[in-house]
Amino acid sequence: INVNTADVQVLRALSTSANVGKLEQF
């Protein structure tokens, strides 16, 4: 998965320990 182009839903699905705040900031 390309992190620069993926939808936030796709990125969140890659990790059960995602930091939602930092992910949304990115």
PDB file of all heavy atoms in Angstrom:
ATOM      1  N   ILE A   1       0.836  -1.187   0.000  1.00  0.00           N
ATOM      2  CA  ILE A   1       0.000   0.000   0.000  1.00  0.00           C
ATOM      3  C   ILE A   1       0.878   1.246   0.000  1.00  0.00           C
ATOM      4  O   ILE A   1       1.781   1.380   0.827  1.00  0.00           O
ATOM      5  CB  ILE A   1      -0.919   0.022   1.239  1.00  0.00           C
ATOM      6  CG1 ILE A   1      -1.855  -1.194   1.239  1.00  0.00           C
ATOM      7  CG2 ILE A   1      -1.714   1.323   1.302  1.00  0.00           C
ATOM      8  CD1 ILE A   1      -2.874  -1.195   0.140  1.00  0.00           C
ATOM      9  N   ASN A   2       0.608   2.152  -0.942  1.00  0.00           N
ATOM     10  CA  ASN A   2       1.336   3.416  -0.990  1.00  0.00           C
ATOM     11  C   ASN A   2       0.701   4.379   0.015  1.00  0.00           C
ATOM     12  O   ASN A   2      -0.443   4.808  -0.152  1.00  0.00           O
ATOM     13  CB  ASN A   2       1.279   4.010  -2.398  1.00  0.00           C
ATOM     14  CG  ASN A   2       2.142   5.255  -2.540  1.00  0.00           C
ATOM     15  OD1 ASN A   2       2.418   5.965  -1.580  1.00  0.00           O
ATOM     16  ND2 ASN A   2       2.576   5.522  -3.762  1.00  0.00           N
ATOM     17  N   VAL A   3       1.443   4.721   1.065  1.00  0.00           N
ATOM     18  CA  VAL A   3       0.896   5.568   2.127  1.00  0.00           C
ATOM     19  C   VAL A   3       0.609   6.990   1.645  1.00  0.00           C
ATOM     20  O   VAL A   3      -0.187   7.710   2.263  1.00  0.00           O
ATOM     21  CB  VAL A   3       1.850   5.613   3.340  1.00  0.00           C
ATOM     22  CG1 VAL A   3       2.003   4.240   3.963  1.00  0.00           C
ATOM     23  CG2 VAL A   3       3.212   6.200   2.947  1.00  0.00           C
ATOM     24  N   ASN A   4       1.226   7.404   0.552  1.00  0.00           N
ATOM     25  CA  ASN A   4       1.025   8.765   0.044  1.00  0.00           C
ATOM     26  C   ASN A   4      -0.274   8.920  -0.734  1.00  0.00           C
ATOM     27  O   ASN A   4      -0.704  10.051  -0.993  1.00  0.00           O
ATOM     28  CB  ASN A   4       2.188   9.166  -0.868  1.00  0.00           C
ATOM     29  CG  ASN A   4       3.474   9.386  -0.110  1.00  0.00           C
ATOM     30  OD1 ASN A   4       3.460   9.879   1.017  1.00  0.00           O
ATOM     31  ND2 ASN A   4       4.599   9.000  -0.709  1.00  0.00           N
ATOM     32  N   THR A   5      -0.888   7.815  -1.126  1.00  0.00           N
ATOM     33  CA  THR A   5      -2.092   7.903  -1.964  1.00  0.00           C
ATOM     34  C   THR A   5      -3.278   7.129  -1.402  1.00  0.00           C
ATOM     35  O   THR A   5      -4.399   7.297  -1.880  1.00  0.00           O
ATOM     36  CB  THR A   5      -1.803   7.367  -3.378  1.00  0.00           C
ATOM     37  OG1 THR A   5      -1.401   5.993  -3.291  1.00  0.00           O
ATOM     38  CG2 THR A   5      -0.701   8.170  -4.064  1.00  0.00           C
ATOM     39  N   ALA A   6      -3.069   6.292  -0.391  1.00  0.00           N
ATOM     40  CA  ALA A   6      -4.135   5.425   0.112  1.00  0.00           C
ATOM     41  C   ALA A   6      -5.173   6.209   0.906  1.00  0.00           C
ATOM     42  O   ALA A   6      -4.859   7.194   1.591  1.00  0.00           O
ATOM     43  CB  ALA A   6      -3.543   4.318   0.982  1.00  0.00           C
ATOM     44  N   ASP A   7      -6.418   5.741   0.819  1.00  0.00           N
ATOM     45  CA  ASP A   7      -7.492   6.288   1.636  1.00  0.00           C
ATOM     46  C   ASP A   7      -7.212   5.985   3.108  1.00  0.00           C
ATOM     47  O   ASP A   7      -6.619   4.958   3.445  1.00  0.00           O
ATOM     48  CB  ASP A   7      -8.823   5.663   1.205  1.00  0.00           C
ATOM     49  CG  ASP A   7     -10.014   6.322   1.855  1.00  0.00           C
ATOM     50  OD1 ASP A   7     -10.303   5.979   3.033  1.00  0.00           O
ATOM     51  OD2 ASP A   7     -10.669   7.157   1.224  1.00  0.00           O
ATOM     52  N   VAL A   8      -7.643   6.864   3.994  1.00  0.00           N
ATOM     53  CA  VAL A   8      -7.395   6.669   5.415  1.00  0.00           C
ATOM     54  C   VAL A   8      -7.998   5.364   5.916  1.00  0.00           C
ATOM     55  O   VAL A   8      -7.450   4.717   6.809  1.00  0.00           O
ATOM     56  CB  VAL A   8      -7.927   7.880   6.233  1.00  0.00           C
ATOM     57  CG1 VAL A   8      -9.447   7.995   6.116  1.00  0.00           C
ATOM     58  CG2 VAL A   8      -7.499   7.772   7.683  1.00  0.00           C
ATOM     59  N   GLN A   9      -9.126   4.920   5.322  1.00  0.00           N
ATOM     60  CA  GLN A   9      -9.736   3.657   5.732  1.00  0.00           C
ATOM     61  C   GLN A   9      -8.822   2.482   5.424  1.00  0.00           C
ATOM     62  O   GLN A   9      -8.744   1.527   6.194  1.00  0.00           O
ATOM     63  CB  GLN A   9     -11.084   3.451   5.031  1.00  0.00           C
ATOM     64  CG  GLN A   9     -12.198   4.346   5.534  1.00  0.00           C
ATOM     65  CD  GLN A   9     -13.491   4.081   4.796  1.00  0.00           C
ATOM     66  OE1 GLN A   9     -13.855   4.792   3.861  1.00  0.00           O
ATOM     67  NE2 GLN A   9     -14.206   3.053   5.201  1.00  0.00           N
ATOM     68  N   VAL A  10      -8.145   2.554   4.285  1.00  0.00           N
ATOM     69  CA  VAL A  10      -7.234   1.481   3.902  1.00  0.00           C
ATOM     70  C   VAL A  10      -6.040   1.449   4.846  1.00  0.00           C
ATOM     71  O   VAL A  10      -5.623   0.383   5.311  1.00  0.00           O
ATOM     72  CB  VAL A  10      -6.761   1.668   2.441  1.00  0.00           C
ATOM     73  CG1 VAL A  10      -5.727   0.609   2.074  1.00  0.00           C
ATOM     74  CG2 VAL A  10      -7.953   1.594   1.486  1.00  0.00           C
ATOM     75  N   LEU A  11      -5.492   2.598   5.155  1.00  0.00           N
ATOM     76  CA  LEU A  11      -4.337   2.659   6.047  1.00  0.00           C
ATOM     77  C   LEU A  11      -4.702   2.177   7.450  1.00  0.00           C
ATOM     78  O   LEU A  11      -3.938   1.434   8.074  1.00  0.00           O
ATOM     79  CB  LEU A  11      -3.788   4.078   6.097  1.00  0.00           C
ATOM     80  CG  LEU A  11      -3.146   4.594   4.797  1.00  0.00           C
ATOM     81  CD1 LEU A  11      -2.746   6.052   4.936  1.00  0.00           C
ATOM     82  CD2 LEU A  11      -1.935   3.739   4.422  1.00  0.00           C
ATOM     83  N   ARG A  12      -5.843   2.567   7.959  1.00  0.00           N
ATOM     84  CA  ARG A  12      -6.244   2.146   9.304  1.00  0.00           C
ATOM     85  C   ARG A  12      -6.415   0.635   9.382  1.00  0.00           C
ATOM     86  O   ARG A  12      -6.198   0.026  10.423  1.00  0.00           O
ATOM     87  CB  ARG A  12      -7.538   2.844   9.713  1.00  0.00           C
ATOM     88  CG  ARG A  12      -7.367   4.327   9.987  1.00  0.00           C
ATOM     89  CD  ARG A  12      -8.645   4.967  10.500  1.00  0.00           C
ATOM     90  NE  ARG A  12      -9.035   4.427  11.805  1.00  0.00           N
ATOM     91  CZ  ARG A  12     -10.044   4.902  12.521  1.00  0.00           C
ATOM     92  NH1 ARG A  12     -10.761   5.920  12.077  1.00  0.00           N
ATOM     93  NH2 ARG A  12     -10.339   4.367  13.688  1.00  0.00           N
ATOM     94  N   ALA A  13      -6.809   0.013   8.265  1.00  0.00           N
ATOM     95  CA  ALA A  13      -7.014  -1.437   8.250  1.00  0.00           C
ATOM     96  C   ALA A  13      -5.705  -2.209   8.347  1.00  0.00           C
ATOM     97  O   ALA A  13      -5.713  -3.412   8.649  1.00  0.00           O
ATOM     98  CB  ALA A  13      -7.761  -1.852   6.981  1.00  0.00           C
ATOM     99  N   LEU A  14      -4.589  -1.554   8.128  1.00  0.00           N
ATOM    100  CA  LEU A  14      -3.293  -2.237   8.147  1.00  0.00           C
ATOM    101  C   LEU A  14      -2.758  -2.454   9.555  1.00  0.00           C
ATOM    102  O   LEU A  14      -1.809  -3.213   9.742  1.00  0.00           O
ATOM    103  CB  LEU A  14      -2.268  -1.435   7.344  1.00  0.00           C
ATOM    104  CG  LEU A  14      -2.577  -1.201   5.860  1.00  0.00           C
ATOM    105  CD1 LEU A  14      -1.475  -0.388   5.217  1.00  0.00           C
ATOM    106  CD2 LEU A  14      -2.769  -2.527   5.125  1.00  0.00           C
ATOM    107  N   SER A  15      -3.337  -1.784  10.538  1.00  0.00           N
ATOM    108  CA  SER A  15      -2.802  -1.881  11.887  1.00  0.00           C
ATOM    109  C   SER A  15      -3.911  -1.751  12.921  1.00  0.00           C
ATOM    110  O   SER A  15      -4.737  -0.843  12.838  1.00  0.00           O
ATOM    111  CB  SER A  15      -1.758  -0.775  12.118  1.00  0.00           C
ATOM    112  OG  SER A  15      -1.314  -0.763  13.460  1.00  0.00           O
ATOM    113  N   THR A  16      -3.917  -2.671  13.855  1.00  0.00           N
ATOM    114  CA  THR A  16      -4.890  -2.591  14.950  1.00  0.00           C
ATOM    115  C   THR A  16      -4.433  -1.617  16.029  1.00  0.00           C
ATOM    116  O   THR A  16      -5.179  -1.343  16.969  1.00  0.00           O
ATOM    117  CB  THR A  16      -5.101  -3.985  15.574  1.00  0.00           C
ATOM    118  OG1 THR A  16      -3.828  -4.496  16.008  1.00  0.00           O
ATOM    119  CG2 THR A  16      -5.715  -4.934  14.562  1.00  0.00           C
ATOM    120  N   SER A  17      -3.212  -1.096  15.897  1.00  0.00           N
ATOM    121  CA  SER A  17      -2.683  -0.151  16.887  1.00  0.00           C
ATOM    122  C   SER A  17      -2.359   1.197  16.251  1.00  0.00           C
ATOM    123  O   SER A  17      -1.422   1.884  16.664  1.00  0.00           O
ATOM    124  CB  SER A  17      -1.430  -0.723  17.557  1.00  0.00           C
ATOM    125  OG  SER A  17      -0.427  -1.024  16.582  1.00  0.00           O
ATOM    126  N   ALA A  18      -3.141   1.571  15.222  1.00  0.00           N
ATOM    127  CA  ALA A  18      -2.898   2.839  14.547  1.00  0.00           C
ATOM    128  C   ALA A  18      -3.169   4.010  15.480  1.00  0.00           C
ATOM    129  O   ALA A  18      -4.096   3.983  16.292  1.00  0.00           O
ATOM    130  CB  ALA A  18      -3.780   2.951  13.303  1.00  0.00           C
ATOM    131  N   ASN A  19      -2.343   5.046  15.369  1.00  0.00           N
ATOM    132  CA  ASN A  19      -2.563   6.288  16.106  1.00  0.00           C
ATOM    133  C   ASN A  19      -3.411   7.188  15.205  1.00  0.00           C
ATOM    134  O   ASN A  19      -2.898   7.803  14.268  1.00  0.00           O
ATOM    135  CB  ASN A  19      -1.233   6.961  16.439  1.00  0.00           C
ATOM    136  CG  ASN A  19      -1.396   8.181  17.321  1.00  0.00           C
ATOM    137  OD1 ASN A  19      -2.246   9.032  17.078  1.00  0.00           O
ATOM    138  ND2 ASN A  19      -0.562   8.277  18.360  1.00  0.00           N
ATOM    139  N   VAL A  20      -4.718   7.225  15.482  1.00  0.00           N
ATOM    140  CA  VAL A  20      -5.656   7.900  14.592  1.00  0.00           C
ATOM    141  C   VAL A  20      -5.297   9.368  14.413  1.00  0.00           C
ATOM    142  O   VAL A  20      -5.337   9.909  13.296  1.00  0.00           O
ATOM    143  CB  VAL A  20      -7.098   7.756  15.116  1.00  0.00           C
ATOM    144  CG1 VAL A  20      -8.064   8.520  14.208  1.00  0.00           C
ATOM    145  CG2 VAL A  20      -7.485   6.293  15.186  1.00  0.00           C
ATOM    146  N   GLY A  21      -4.924  10.045  15.498  1.00  0.00           N
ATOM    147  CA  GLY A  21      -4.589  11.455  15.407  1.00  0.00           C
ATOM    148  C   GLY A  21      -3.399  11.712  14.507  1.00  0.00           C
ATOM    149  O   GLY A  21      -3.434  12.604  13.644  1.00  0.00           O
ATOM    150  N   LYS A  22      -2.328  10.943  14.689  1.00  0.00           N
ATOM    151  CA  LYS A  22      -1.128  11.119  13.865  1.00  0.00           C
ATOM    152  C   LYS A  22      -1.395  10.720  12.408  1.00  0.00           C
ATOM    153  O   LYS A  22      -0.843  11.335  11.484  1.00  0.00           O
ATOM    154  CB  LYS A  22       0.025  10.303  14.434  1.00  0.00           C
ATOM    155  CG  LYS A  22       0.535  10.828  15.775  1.00  0.00           C
ATOM    156  CD  LYS A  22       1.703  10.006  16.292  1.00  0.00           C
ATOM    157  CE  LYS A  22       2.235  10.574  17.601  1.00  0.00           C
ATOM    158  NZ  LYS A  22       3.375   9.795  18.129  1.00  0.00           N
ATOM    159  N   LEU A  23      -2.240   9.704  12.221  1.00  0.00           N
ATOM    160  CA  LEU A  23      -2.557   9.278  10.864  1.00  0.00           C
ATOM    161  C   LEU A  23      -3.346  10.363  10.130  1.00  0.00           C
ATOM    162  O   LEU A  23      -3.050  10.689   8.977  1.00  0.00           O
ATOM    163  CB  LEU A  23      -3.353   7.976  10.896  1.00  0.00           C
ATOM    164  CG  LEU A  23      -3.719   7.370   9.534  1.00  0.00           C
ATOM    165  CD1 LEU A  23      -2.472   7.108   8.702  1.00  0.00           C
ATOM    166  CD2 LEU A  23      -4.510   6.071   9.725  1.00  0.00           C
ATOM    167  N   GLU A  24      -4.330  10.938  10.778  1.00  0.00           N
ATOM    168  CA  GLU A  24      -5.108  12.011  10.166  1.00  0.00           C
ATOM    169  C   GLU A  24      -4.241  13.240   9.889  1.00  0.00           C
ATOM    170  O   GLU A  24      -4.428  13.929   8.880  1.00  0.00           O
ATOM    171  CB  GLU A  24      -6.295  12.364  11.051  1.00  0.00           C
ATOM    172  CG  GLU A  24      -7.356  11.269  11.100  1.00  0.00           C
ATOM    173  CD  GLU A  24      -8.539  11.639  11.969  1.00  0.00           C
ATOM    174  OE1 GLU A  24      -8.457  12.660  12.688  1.00  0.00           O
ATOM    175  OE2 GLU A  24      -9.554  10.914  11.920  1.00  0.00           O
ATOM    176  N   GLN A  25      -3.293  13.506  10.755  1.00  0.00           N
ATOM    177  CA  GLN A  25      -2.380  14.632  10.533  1.00  0.00           C
ATOM    178  C   GLN A  25      -1.530  14.390   9.291  1.00  0.00           C
ATOM    179  O   GLN A  25      -1.314  15.306   8.480  1.00  0.00           O
ATOM    180  CB  GLN A  25      -1.481  14.843  11.750  1.00  0.00           C
ATOM    181  CG  GLN A  25      -0.538  16.033  11.613  1.00  0.00           C
ATOM    182  CD  GLN A  25       0.335  16.223  12.850  1.00  0.00           C
ATOM    183  OE1 GLN A  25       0.302  15.423  13.781  1.00  0.00           O
ATOM    184  NE2 GLN A  25       1.136  17.274  12.863  1.00  0.00           N
ATOM    185  N   PHE A  26      -1.051  13.162   9.141  1.00  0.00           N
ATOM    186  CA  PHE A  26      -0.267  12.836   7.943  1.00  0.00           C
ATOM    187  C   PHE A  26      -1.130  12.974   6.693  1.00  0.00           C
ATOM    188  O   PHE A  26      -0.665  13.518   5.669  1.00  0.00           O
ATOM    189  CB  PHE A  26       0.283  11.415   8.044  1.00  0.00           C
ATOM    190  CG  PHE A  26       0.941  10.935   6.773  1.00  0.00           C
ATOM    191  CD1 PHE A  26       2.196  11.397   6.414  1.00  0.00           C
ATOM    192  CD2 PHE A  26       0.290  10.044   5.931  1.00  0.00           C
ATOM    193  CE1 PHE A  26       2.799  10.975   5.233  1.00  0.00           C
ATOM    194  CE2 PHE A  26       0.884   9.615   4.755  1.00  0.00           C
ATOM    195  CZ  PHE A  26       2.146  10.079   4.403  1.00  0.00           C
TER     196      PHE A  26
END
